[in-house]
Amino acid sequence: MTTVNVTTTKNTVSVTENGTSTVVKTPVTTVVTATTAGPQGPQGPAGPGGLQVDQTAKVDKSIVYYDSASSQFKADAIITQTTLTDGGNF
């Protein structure tokens, strides 16, 4: 595992990788790029609190809504951007 320590009081950067440390002191100009992959969890329905949307009847500009009769979220032709703006029931 690689660790990067930035110390502003001493203007040094210490890079440690596999037990070996390298110290970069100013005024040396060095670019240090540190990246790491974040934790990966399960995707989709197995994920915690995942939102499942029935998209089988989706159309252009569908808006997701909750249908209590089927107990699921849907995106279809019933609620679209057009139905809301052209005569929607507010």
Protein backbone atom coordinates (compact mmCIF):
# COMPACT_ATOMS: atom_id res chain seq x y z
CA MET A 1 0.00 0.00 0.00
CA THR A 2 1.24 3.50 -0.83
CA THR A 3 0.97 6.38 1.64
CA VAL A 4 1.62 10.05 0.97
CA ASN A 5 2.36 12.44 3.82
CA VAL A 6 2.39 16.18 3.13
CA THR A 7 4.01 18.33 5.80
CA THR A 8 3.61 22.05 5.21
CA THR A 9 5.81 23.17 8.12
CA LYS A 10 8.85 21.43 6.64
CA ASN A 11 7.77 21.71 2.99
CA THR A 12 8.44 18.02 2.39
CA VAL A 13 6.48 15.19 0.86
CA SER A 14 7.16 11.66 2.01
CA VAL A 15 6.02 8.85 -0.31
CA THR A 16 6.08 5.35 1.16
CA GLU A 17 5.55 2.32 -1.06
CA ASN A 18 6.22 -1.28 -0.10
CA GLY A 19 8.14 -0.22 2.98
CA THR A 20 10.48 2.16 1.12
CA SER A 21 10.24 5.91 1.74
CA THR A 22 11.24 8.74 -0.57
CA VAL A 23 11.39 12.29 0.79
CA VAL A 24 11.10 15.19 -1.65
CA LYS A 25 12.29 18.53 -0.24
CA THR A 26 11.77 22.02 -1.62
CA PRO A 27 12.87 23.75 -3.85
CA VAL A 28 12.82 20.57 -5.96
CA THR A 29 9.78 20.61 -8.27
CA THR A 30 8.13 17.22 -8.39
CA VAL A 31 4.64 16.14 -9.40
CA VAL A 32 3.15 13.48 -7.16
CA THR A 33 -0.09 11.85 -8.28
CA ALA A 34 -1.88 9.63 -5.79
CA THR A 35 -4.92 7.61 -6.80
CA THR A 36 -6.73 4.75 -5.20
CA ALA A 37 -9.86 2.81 -6.06
CA GLY A 38 -12.75 3.31 -3.67
CA PRO A 39 -14.69 0.48 -2.10
CA GLN A 40 -16.83 -1.43 -4.56
CA GLY A 41 -20.15 -2.86 -3.49
CA PRO A 42 -22.73 -4.99 -5.24
CA GLN A 43 -24.57 -3.33 -8.12
CA GLY A 44 -28.29 -3.24 -8.76
CA PRO A 45 -30.98 -5.02 -6.76
CA ALA A 46 -28.46 -6.64 -4.40
CA GLY A 47 -27.17 -3.24 -3.29
CA PRO A 48 -28.38 -1.74 -0.01
CA GLY A 49 -31.53 0.34 -0.42
CA GLY A 50 -31.31 0.20 -4.20
CA LEU A 51 -34.02 1.93 -6.21
CA GLN A 52 -35.55 -0.42 -8.76
CA VAL A 53 -37.41 1.29 -11.61
CA ASP A 54 -39.66 -0.52 -14.09
CA GLN A 55 -38.46 0.89 -17.42
CA THR A 56 -40.12 -1.64 -19.71
CA ALA A 57 -42.54 0.99 -21.15
CA LYS A 58 -40.27 4.06 -21.00
CA VAL A 59 -40.66 6.74 -23.66
CA ASP A 60 -38.81 9.95 -24.49
CA LYS A 61 -38.84 12.32 -21.47
CA SER A 62 -40.44 9.81 -19.07
CA ILE A 63 -40.48 10.92 -15.44
CA VAL A 64 -40.06 8.37 -12.65
CA TYR A 65 -43.06 8.07 -10.30
CA TYR A 66 -44.27 5.65 -7.63
CA ASP A 67 -47.27 3.46 -8.48
CA SER A 68 -48.83 2.23 -5.24
CA ALA A 69 -51.07 -0.30 -7.03
CA SER A 70 -48.00 -2.23 -8.20
CA SER A 71 -45.75 -1.13 -5.31
CA GLN A 72 -42.96 -0.05 -7.62
CA PHE A 73 -41.35 2.96 -9.25
CA LYS A 74 -42.11 3.34 -12.96
CA ALA A 75 -40.96 5.36 -15.95
CA ASP A 76 -43.51 5.18 -18.77
CA ALA A 77 -45.81 7.23 -21.02
CA ILE A 78 -48.29 8.01 -18.21
CA ILE A 79 -46.09 10.67 -16.58
CA THR A 80 -43.81 12.58 -18.96
CA GLN A 81 -42.46 16.10 -19.20
CA THR A 82 -45.27 16.91 -21.64
CA THR A 83 -48.10 15.57 -19.43
CA LEU A 84 -46.85 17.71 -16.54
CA THR A 85 -46.39 20.93 -18.49
CA ASP A 86 -49.37 20.64 -20.86
CA GLY A 87 -52.33 20.22 -18.53
CA GLY A 88 -50.72 18.56 -15.55
CA ASN A 89 -52.77 18.38 -12.35
CA PHE A 90 -51.00 20.58 -9.79
